[in-house]
Amino acid sequence: MARWNISVSSDIDTMVRTFLADRGEGESADLSRFVEEATRARIFELTASQAKEAMSGLDEAETNALIGEALDWARSSEEPAANKR
């Protein structure tokens, strides 16, 4: 596990800590989990936006072909559940 030292504005600090406390999640582990989940969501959002932009010039048939190709690759790359560790 990595440790980050980050700085945020006082407003954001108060907002996040109040939000977590209202949900009964006031521990430092809860703050770490919140930051990790927010980071994952933001990376996903940016990656999806980038993919949409990159594919914006494709027509529907080309898009469907790429999606089909990706699905075929993902399905062929899957290991049987018993072999996963």
PDB file of N, CA and C in Angstrom:
ATOM      1  N   MET A   1       0.856  -1.173   0.000  1.00  0.00           N
ATOM      2  CA  MET A   1       0.000   0.000   0.000  1.00  0.00           C
ATOM      3  C   MET A   1       0.900   1.233   0.000  1.00  0.00           C
ATOM      4  N   ALA A   2       0.568   2.186  -0.827  1.00  0.00           N
ATOM      5  CA  ALA A   2       1.324   3.442  -0.908  1.00  0.00           C
ATOM      6  C   ALA A   2       0.696   4.480   0.018  1.00  0.00           C
ATOM      7  N   ARG A   3       1.515   5.443   0.410  1.00  0.00           N
ATOM      8  CA  ARG A   3       1.022   6.541   1.245  1.00  0.00           C
ATOM      9  C   ARG A   3       1.179   7.823   0.453  1.00  0.00           C
ATOM     10  N   TRP A   4       0.131   8.643   0.440  1.00  0.00           N
ATOM     11  CA  TRP A   4       0.149   9.934  -0.239  1.00  0.00           C
ATOM     12  C   TRP A   4       0.059  11.038   0.798  1.00  0.00           C
ATOM     13  N   ASN A   5       0.753  12.098   0.542  1.00  0.00           N
ATOM     14  CA  ASN A   5       0.573  13.331   1.301  1.00  0.00           C
ATOM     15  C   ASN A   5      -0.003  14.326   0.306  1.00  0.00           C
ATOM     16  N   ILE A   6      -1.235  14.717   0.517  1.00  0.00           N
ATOM     17  CA  ILE A   6      -1.882  15.623  -0.421  1.00  0.00           C
ATOM     18  C   ILE A   6      -2.394  16.854   0.316  1.00  0.00           C
ATOM     19  N   SER A   7      -2.575  17.913  -0.436  1.00  0.00           N
ATOM     20  CA  SER A   7      -3.132  19.147   0.134  1.00  0.00           C
ATOM     21  C   SER A   7      -4.431  19.459  -0.585  1.00  0.00           C
ATOM     22  N   VAL A   8      -5.436  19.802   0.182  1.00  0.00           N
ATOM     23  CA  VAL A   8      -6.721  20.230  -0.373  1.00  0.00           C
ATOM     24  C   VAL A   8      -7.138  21.496   0.358  1.00  0.00           C
ATOM     25  N   SER A   9      -8.059  22.220  -0.238  1.00  0.00           N
ATOM     26  CA  SER A   9      -8.528  23.441   0.420  1.00  0.00           C
ATOM     27  C   SER A   9      -9.286  23.085   1.697  1.00  0.00           C
ATOM     28  N   SER A  10      -9.369  24.035   2.588  1.00  0.00           N
ATOM     29  CA  SER A  10     -10.101  23.833   3.844  1.00  0.00           C
ATOM     30  C   SER A  10     -11.567  23.523   3.575  1.00  0.00           C
ATOM     31  N   ASP A  11     -12.123  24.155   2.547  1.00  0.00           N
ATOM     32  CA  ASP A  11     -13.526  23.904   2.197  1.00  0.00           C
ATOM     33  C   ASP A  11     -13.752  22.447   1.809  1.00  0.00           C
ATOM     34  N   ILE A  12     -12.858  21.907   0.971  1.00  0.00           N
ATOM     35  CA  ILE A  12     -12.995  20.508   0.553  1.00  0.00           C
ATOM     36  C   ILE A  12     -12.791  19.583   1.744  1.00  0.00           C
ATOM     37  N   ASP A  13     -11.815  19.875   2.577  1.00  0.00           N
ATOM     38  CA  ASP A  13     -11.569  19.060   3.757  1.00  0.00           C
ATOM     39  C   ASP A  13     -12.823  18.981   4.624  1.00  0.00           C
ATOM     40  N   THR A  14     -13.402  20.136   4.916  1.00  0.00           N
ATOM     41  CA  THR A  14     -14.613  20.176   5.748  1.00  0.00           C
ATOM     42  C   THR A  14     -15.766  19.448   5.070  1.00  0.00           C
ATOM     43  N   MET A  15     -15.920  19.675   3.768  1.00  0.00           N
ATOM     44  CA  MET A  15     -17.017  19.050   3.028  1.00  0.00           C
ATOM     45  C   MET A  15     -16.920  17.523   3.057  1.00  0.00           C
ATOM     46  N   VAL A  16     -15.727  17.005   2.790  1.00  0.00           N
ATOM     47  CA  VAL A  16     -15.546  15.551   2.749  1.00  0.00           C
ATOM     48  C   VAL A  16     -15.694  14.952   4.142  1.00  0.00           C
ATOM     49  N   ARG A  17     -15.070  15.557   5.135  1.00  0.00           N
ATOM     50  CA  ARG A  17     -15.151  15.002   6.486  1.00  0.00           C
ATOM     51  C   ARG A  17     -16.580  15.055   7.033  1.00  0.00           C
ATOM     52  N   THR A  18     -17.307  16.122   6.718  1.00  0.00           N
ATOM     53  CA  THR A  18     -18.712  16.217   7.129  1.00  0.00           C
ATOM     54  C   THR A  18     -19.542  15.146   6.433  1.00  0.00           C
ATOM     55  N   PHE A  19     -19.313  14.990   5.139  1.00  0.00           N
ATOM     56  CA  PHE A  19     -20.023  13.965   4.373  1.00  0.00           C
ATOM     57  C   PHE A  19     -19.792  12.584   4.976  1.00  0.00           C
ATOM     58  N   LEU A  20     -18.530  12.254   5.246  1.00  0.00           N
ATOM     59  CA  LEU A  20     -18.218  10.948   5.819  1.00  0.00           C
ATOM     60  C   LEU A  20     -18.801  10.783   7.218  1.00  0.00           C
ATOM     61  N   ALA A  21     -18.720  11.821   8.029  1.00  0.00           N
ATOM     62  CA  ALA A  21     -19.262  11.753   9.392  1.00  0.00           C
ATOM     63  C   ALA A  21     -20.773  11.555   9.368  1.00  0.00           C
ATOM     64  N   ASP A  22     -21.452  12.231   8.451  1.00  0.00           N
ATOM     65  CA  ASP A  22     -22.908  12.078   8.336  1.00  0.00           C
ATOM     66  C   ASP A  22     -23.298  10.648   7.983  1.00  0.00           C
ATOM     67  N   ARG A  23     -22.389   9.950   7.349  1.00  0.00           N
ATOM     68  CA  ARG A  23     -22.640   8.559   6.960  1.00  0.00           C
ATOM     69  C   ARG A  23     -22.088   7.586   7.992  1.00  0.00           C
ATOM     70  N   GLY A  24     -21.536   8.109   9.093  1.00  0.00           N
ATOM     71  CA  GLY A  24     -20.971   7.252  10.127  1.00  0.00           C
ATOM     72  C   GLY A  24     -19.599   6.717   9.769  1.00  0.00           C
ATOM     73  N   GLU A  25     -18.916   7.424   8.869  1.00  0.00           N
ATOM     74  CA  GLU A  25     -17.600   6.987   8.409  1.00  0.00           C
ATOM     75  C   GLU A  25     -16.577   8.076   8.703  1.00  0.00           C
ATOM     76  N   GLY A  26     -16.164   8.197   9.932  1.00  0.00           N
ATOM     77  CA  GLY A  26     -15.266   9.277  10.300  1.00  0.00           C
ATOM     78  C   GLY A  26     -13.820   8.880  10.516  1.00  0.00           C
ATOM     79  N   GLU A  27     -13.474   7.629  10.305  1.00  0.00           N
ATOM     80  CA  GLU A  27     -12.115   7.157  10.554  1.00  0.00           C
ATOM     81  C   GLU A  27     -11.194   7.514   9.387  1.00  0.00           C
ATOM     82  N   SER A  28      -9.886   7.531   9.640  1.00  0.00           N
ATOM     83  CA  SER A  28      -8.929   7.858   8.582  1.00  0.00           C
ATOM     84  C   SER A  28      -8.969   6.825   7.459  1.00  0.00           C
ATOM     85  N   ALA A  29      -9.257   5.573   7.785  1.00  0.00           N
ATOM     86  CA  ALA A  29      -9.387   4.540   6.749  1.00  0.00           C
ATOM     87  C   ALA A  29     -10.556   4.866   5.822  1.00  0.00           C
ATOM     88  N   ASP A  30     -11.612   5.466   6.378  1.00  0.00           N
ATOM     89  CA  ASP A  30     -12.758   5.852   5.560  1.00  0.00           C
ATOM     90  C   ASP A  30     -12.376   6.963   4.586  1.00  0.00           C
ATOM     91  N   LEU A  31     -11.555   7.895   5.046  1.00  0.00           N
ATOM     92  CA  LEU A  31     -11.086   8.971   4.171  1.00  0.00           C
ATOM     93  C   LEU A  31     -10.208   8.394   3.063  1.00  0.00           C
ATOM     94  N   SER A  32      -9.334   7.475   3.402  1.00  0.00           N
ATOM     95  CA  SER A  32      -8.481   6.839   2.396  1.00  0.00           C
ATOM     96  C   SER A  32      -9.322   6.107   1.363  1.00  0.00           C
ATOM     97  N   ARG A  33     -10.320   5.375   1.813  1.00  0.00           N
ATOM     98  CA  ARG A  33     -11.205   4.638   0.905  1.00  0.00           C
ATOM     99  C   ARG A  33     -11.961   5.609   0.000  1.00  0.00           C
ATOM    100  N   PHE A  34     -12.423   6.724   0.572  1.00  0.00           N
ATOM    101  CA  PHE A  34     -13.139   7.733  -0.201  1.00  0.00           C
ATOM    102  C   PHE A  34     -12.247   8.304  -1.309  1.00  0.00           C
ATOM    103  N   VAL A  35     -11.007   8.647  -0.959  1.00  0.00           N
ATOM    104  CA  VAL A  35     -10.063   9.203  -1.939  1.00  0.00           C
ATOM    105  C   VAL A  35      -9.758   8.169  -3.016  1.00  0.00           C
ATOM    106  N   GLU A  36      -9.565   6.925  -2.630  1.00  0.00           N
ATOM    107  CA  GLU A  36      -9.272   5.873  -3.605  1.00  0.00           C
ATOM    108  C   GLU A  36     -10.442   5.665  -4.557  1.00  0.00           C
ATOM    109  N   GLU A  37     -11.661   5.608  -4.023  1.00  0.00           N
ATOM    110  CA  GLU A  37     -12.836   5.432  -4.875  1.00  0.00           C
ATOM    111  C   GLU A  37     -13.032   6.621  -5.813  1.00  0.00           C
ATOM    112  N   ALA A  38     -12.814   7.827  -5.297  1.00  0.00           N
ATOM    113  CA  ALA A  38     -12.955   9.033  -6.123  1.00  0.00           C
ATOM    114  C   ALA A  38     -11.901   9.050  -7.228  1.00  0.00           C
ATOM    115  N   THR A  39     -10.690   8.619  -6.908  1.00  0.00           N
ATOM    116  CA  THR A  39      -9.618   8.570  -7.901  1.00  0.00           C
ATOM    117  C   THR A  39      -9.939   7.561  -8.985  1.00  0.00           C
ATOM    118  N   ARG A  40     -10.395   6.386  -8.599  1.00  0.00           N
ATOM    119  CA  ARG A  40     -10.783   5.368  -9.588  1.00  0.00           C
ATOM    120  C   ARG A  40     -11.893   5.883 -10.496  1.00  0.00           C
ATOM    121  N   ALA A  41     -12.893   6.517  -9.905  1.00  0.00           N
ATOM    122  CA  ALA A  41     -14.022   7.030 -10.690  1.00  0.00           C
ATOM    123  C   ALA A  41     -13.557   8.099 -11.677  1.00  0.00           C
ATOM    124  N   ARG A  42     -12.670   8.975 -11.237  1.00  0.00           N
ATOM    125  CA  ARG A  42     -12.183  10.046 -12.111  1.00  0.00           C
ATOM    126  C   ARG A  42     -11.330   9.490 -13.246  1.00  0.00           C
ATOM    127  N   ILE A  43     -10.475   8.517 -12.954  1.00  0.00           N
ATOM    128  CA  ILE A  43      -9.667   7.900 -14.002  1.00  0.00           C
ATOM    129  C   ILE A  43     -10.566   7.198 -15.016  1.00  0.00           C
ATOM    130  N   PHE A  44     -11.592   6.495 -14.540  1.00  0.00           N
ATOM    131  CA  PHE A  44     -12.534   5.839 -15.441  1.00  0.00           C
ATOM    132  C   PHE A  44     -13.242   6.867 -16.315  1.00  0.00           C
ATOM    133  N   GLU A  45     -13.692   7.948 -15.712  1.00  0.00           N
ATOM    134  CA  GLU A  45     -14.396   9.016 -16.438  1.00  0.00           C
ATOM    135  C   GLU A  45     -13.502   9.605 -17.530  1.00  0.00           C
ATOM    136  N   LEU A  46     -12.262   9.912 -17.197  1.00  0.00           N
ATOM    137  CA  LEU A  46     -11.339  10.486 -18.174  1.00  0.00           C
ATOM    138  C   LEU A  46     -10.990   9.500 -19.280  1.00  0.00           C
ATOM    139  N   THR A  47     -10.816   8.225 -18.922  1.00  0.00           N
ATOM    140  CA  THR A  47     -10.504   7.201 -19.911  1.00  0.00           C
ATOM    141  C   THR A  47     -11.678   6.998 -20.868  1.00  0.00           C
ATOM    142  N   ALA A  48     -12.886   6.954 -20.333  1.00  0.00           N
ATOM    143  CA  ALA A  48     -14.073   6.801 -21.182  1.00  0.00           C
ATOM    144  C   ALA A  48     -14.230   7.996 -22.117  1.00  0.00           C
ATOM    145  N   SER A  49     -14.004   9.180 -21.600  1.00  0.00           N
ATOM    146  CA  SER A  49     -14.099  10.387 -22.418  1.00  0.00           C
ATOM    147  C   SER A  49     -13.067  10.364 -23.544  1.00  0.00           C
ATOM    148  N   GLN A  50     -11.864   9.944 -23.212  1.00  0.00           N
ATOM    149  CA  GLN A  50     -10.796   9.857 -24.207  1.00  0.00           C
ATOM    150  C   GLN A  50     -11.151   8.823 -25.285  1.00  0.00           C
ATOM    151  N   ALA A  51     -11.696   7.693 -24.884  1.00  0.00           N
ATOM    152  CA  ALA A  51     -12.088   6.659 -25.847  1.00  0.00           C
ATOM    153  C   ALA A  51     -13.208   7.155 -26.751  1.00  0.00           C
ATOM    154  N   LYS A  52     -14.189   7.845 -26.167  1.00  0.00           N
ATOM    155  CA  LYS A  52     -15.290   8.388 -26.968  1.00  0.00           C
ATOM    156  C   LYS A  52     -14.773   9.379 -27.990  1.00  0.00           C
ATOM    157  N   GLU A  53     -13.848  10.232 -27.563  1.00  0.00           N
ATOM    158  CA  GLU A  53     -13.281  11.228 -28.476  1.00  0.00           C
ATOM    159  C   GLU A  53     -12.507  10.552 -29.606  1.00  0.00           C
ATOM    160  N   ALA A  54     -11.727   9.523 -29.264  1.00  0.00           N
ATOM    161  CA  ALA A  54     -10.939   8.817 -30.265  1.00  0.00           C
ATOM    162  C   ALA A  54     -11.823   8.090 -31.275  1.00  0.00           C
ATOM    163  N   MET A  55     -13.001   7.675 -30.842  1.00  0.00           N
ATOM    164  CA  MET A  55     -13.906   6.927 -31.715  1.00  0.00           C
ATOM    165  C   MET A  55     -14.948   7.816 -32.384  1.00  0.00           C
ATOM    166  N   SER A  56     -14.897   9.100 -32.130  1.00  0.00           N
ATOM    167  CA  SER A  56     -15.956   9.984 -32.638  1.00  0.00           C
ATOM    168  C   SER A  56     -16.033  10.031 -34.160  1.00  0.00           C
ATOM    169  N   GLY A  57     -14.941   9.729 -34.854  1.00  0.00           N
ATOM    170  CA  GLY A  57     -14.947   9.769 -36.313  1.00  0.00           C
ATOM    171  C   GLY A  57     -15.391   8.471 -36.960  1.00  0.00           C
ATOM    172  N   LEU A  58     -15.650   7.450 -36.165  1.00  0.00           N
ATOM    173  CA  LEU A  58     -16.043   6.156 -36.717  1.00  0.00           C
ATOM    174  C   LEU A  58     -17.546   6.085 -36.941  1.00  0.00           C
ATOM    175  N   ASP A  59     -17.938   5.362 -37.980  1.00  0.00           N
ATOM    176  CA  ASP A  59     -19.380   5.160 -38.165  1.00  0.00           C
ATOM    177  C   ASP A  59     -19.827   3.978 -37.305  1.00  0.00           C
ATOM    178  N   GLU A  60     -21.118   3.719 -37.284  1.00  0.00           N
ATOM    179  CA  GLU A  60     -21.680   2.695 -36.403  1.00  0.00           C
ATOM    180  C   GLU A  60     -21.111   1.314 -36.688  1.00  0.00           C
ATOM    181  N   ALA A  61     -20.926   0.959 -37.959  1.00  0.00           N
ATOM    182  CA  ALA A  61     -20.407  -0.364 -38.318  1.00  0.00           C
ATOM    183  C   ALA A  61     -18.977  -0.545 -37.819  1.00  0.00           C
ATOM    184  N   GLU A  62     -18.154   0.498 -37.981  1.00  0.00           N
ATOM    185  CA  GLU A  62     -16.773   0.421 -37.512  1.00  0.00           C
ATOM    186  C   GLU A  62     -16.727   0.309 -35.991  1.00  0.00           C
ATOM    187  N   THR A  63     -17.583   1.064 -35.323  1.00  0.00           N
ATOM    188  CA  THR A  63     -17.640   1.018 -33.861  1.00  0.00           C
ATOM    189  C   THR A  63     -18.055  -0.364 -33.379  1.00  0.00           C
ATOM    190  N   ASN A  64     -19.090  -0.927 -33.995  1.00  0.00           N
ATOM    191  CA  ASN A  64     -19.561  -2.259 -33.608  1.00  0.00           C
ATOM    192  C   ASN A  64     -18.502  -3.320 -33.877  1.00  0.00           C
ATOM    193  N   ALA A  65     -17.758  -3.178 -34.972  1.00  0.00           N
ATOM    194  CA  ALA A  65     -16.694  -4.132 -35.285  1.00  0.00           C
ATOM    195  C   ALA A  65     -15.601  -4.083 -34.217  1.00  0.00           C
ATOM    196  N   LEU A  66     -15.220  -2.871 -33.804  1.00  0.00           N
ATOM    197  CA  LEU A  66     -14.200  -2.733 -32.761  1.00  0.00           C
ATOM    198  C   LEU A  66     -14.674  -3.307 -31.426  1.00  0.00           C
ATOM    199  N   ILE A  67     -15.934  -3.061 -31.097  1.00  0.00           N
ATOM    200  CA  ILE A  67     -16.490  -3.592 -29.850  1.00  0.00           C
ATOM    201  C   ILE A  67     -16.501  -5.118 -29.892  1.00  0.00           C
ATOM    202  N   GLY A  68     -16.919  -5.681 -31.021  1.00  0.00           N
ATOM    203  CA  GLY A  68     -16.934  -7.135 -31.175  1.00  0.00           C
ATOM    204  C   GLY A  68     -15.548  -7.736 -31.052  1.00  0.00           C
ATOM    205  N   GLU A  69     -14.581  -7.066 -31.658  1.00  0.00           N
ATOM    206  CA  GLU A  69     -13.194  -7.514 -31.579  1.00  0.00           C
ATOM    207  C   GLU A  69     -12.695  -7.494 -30.131  1.00  0.00           C
ATOM    208  N   ALA A  70     -13.014  -6.423 -29.413  1.00  0.00           N
ATOM    209  CA  ALA A  70     -12.598  -6.307 -28.017  1.00  0.00           C
ATOM    210  C   ALA A  70     -13.259  -7.382 -27.154  1.00  0.00           C
ATOM    211  N   LEU A  71     -14.535  -7.630 -27.384  1.00  0.00           N
ATOM    212  CA  LEU A  71     -15.238  -8.667 -26.619  1.00  0.00           C
ATOM    213  C   LEU A  71     -14.648 -10.047 -26.893  1.00  0.00           C
ATOM    214  N   ASP A  72     -14.361 -10.332 -28.179  1.00  0.00           N
ATOM    215  CA  ASP A  72     -13.744 -11.620 -28.520  1.00  0.00           C
ATOM    216  C   ASP A  72     -12.411 -11.783 -27.811  1.00  0.00           C
ATOM    217  N   TRP A  73     -11.602 -10.704 -27.801  1.00  0.00           N
ATOM    218  CA  TRP A  73     -10.300 -10.763 -27.131  1.00  0.00           C
ATOM    219  C   TRP A  73     -10.478 -11.014 -25.640  1.00  0.00           C
ATOM    220  N   ALA A  74     -11.408 -10.280 -25.023  1.00  0.00           N
ATOM    221  CA  ALA A  74     -11.623 -10.423 -23.578  1.00  0.00           C
ATOM    222  C   ALA A  74     -12.101 -11.829 -23.234  1.00  0.00           C
ATOM    223  N   ARG A  75     -12.986 -12.352 -24.041  1.00  0.00           N
ATOM    224  CA  ARG A  75     -13.500 -13.704 -23.769  1.00  0.00           C
ATOM    225  C   ARG A  75     -12.421 -14.752 -23.951  1.00  0.00           C
ATOM    226  N   SER A  76     -11.556 -14.589 -24.936  1.00  0.00           N
ATOM    227  CA  SER A  76     -10.502 -15.582 -25.172  1.00  0.00           C
ATOM    228  C   SER A  76      -9.393 -15.467 -24.125  1.00  0.00           C
ATOM    229  N   SER A  77      -9.292 -14.322 -23.471  1.00  0.00           N
ATOM    230  CA  SER A  77      -8.250 -14.100 -22.469  1.00  0.00           C
ATOM    231  C   SER A  77      -8.657 -14.558 -21.077  1.00  0.00           C
ATOM    232  N   GLU A  78      -9.928 -14.890 -20.893  1.00  0.00           N
ATOM    233  CA  GLU A  78     -10.406 -15.277 -19.578  1.00  0.00           C
ATOM    234  C   GLU A  78      -9.864 -16.645 -19.200  1.00  0.00           C
ATOM    235  N   GLU A  79      -9.437 -16.754 -17.956  1.00  0.00           N
ATOM    236  CA  GLU A  79      -9.031 -18.042 -17.410  1.00  0.00           C
ATOM    237  C   GLU A  79     -10.259 -18.685 -16.773  1.00  0.00           C
ATOM    238  N   PRO A  80     -10.318 -20.007 -16.783  1.00  0.00           N
ATOM    239  CA  PRO A  80     -11.406 -20.647 -16.031  1.00  0.00           C
ATOM    240  C   PRO A  80     -11.347 -20.243 -14.569  1.00  0.00           C
ATOM    241  N   ALA A  81     -12.489 -20.102 -13.939  1.00  0.00           N
ATOM    242  CA  ALA A  81     -12.565 -19.628 -12.548  1.00  0.00           C
ATOM    243  C   ALA A  81     -11.719 -20.470 -11.601  1.00  0.00           C
ATOM    244  N   ALA A  82     -11.614 -21.761 -11.843  1.00  0.00           N
ATOM    245  CA  ALA A  82     -10.858 -22.647 -10.953  1.00  0.00           C
ATOM    246  C   ALA A  82      -9.361 -22.346 -11.000  1.00  0.00           C
ATOM    247  N   ASN A  83      -8.873 -21.782 -12.089  1.00  0.00           N
ATOM    248  CA  ASN A  83      -7.442 -21.505 -12.213  1.00  0.00           C
ATOM    249  C   ASN A  83      -7.045 -20.131 -11.709  1.00  0.00           C
ATOM    250  N   LYS A  84      -8.004 -19.277 -11.400  1.00  0.00           N
ATOM    251  CA  LYS A  84      -7.697 -17.925 -10.925  1.00  0.00           C
ATOM    252  C   LYS A  84      -7.267 -17.969  -9.472  1.00  0.00           C
ATOM    253  N   ARG A  85      -6.300 -17.127  -9.129  1.00  0.00           N
ATOM    254  CA  ARG A  85      -5.851 -17.054  -7.741  1.00  0.00           C
ATOM    255  C   ARG A  85      -5.884 -15.645  -7.283  1.00  0.00           C
TER     256      ARG A  85
END
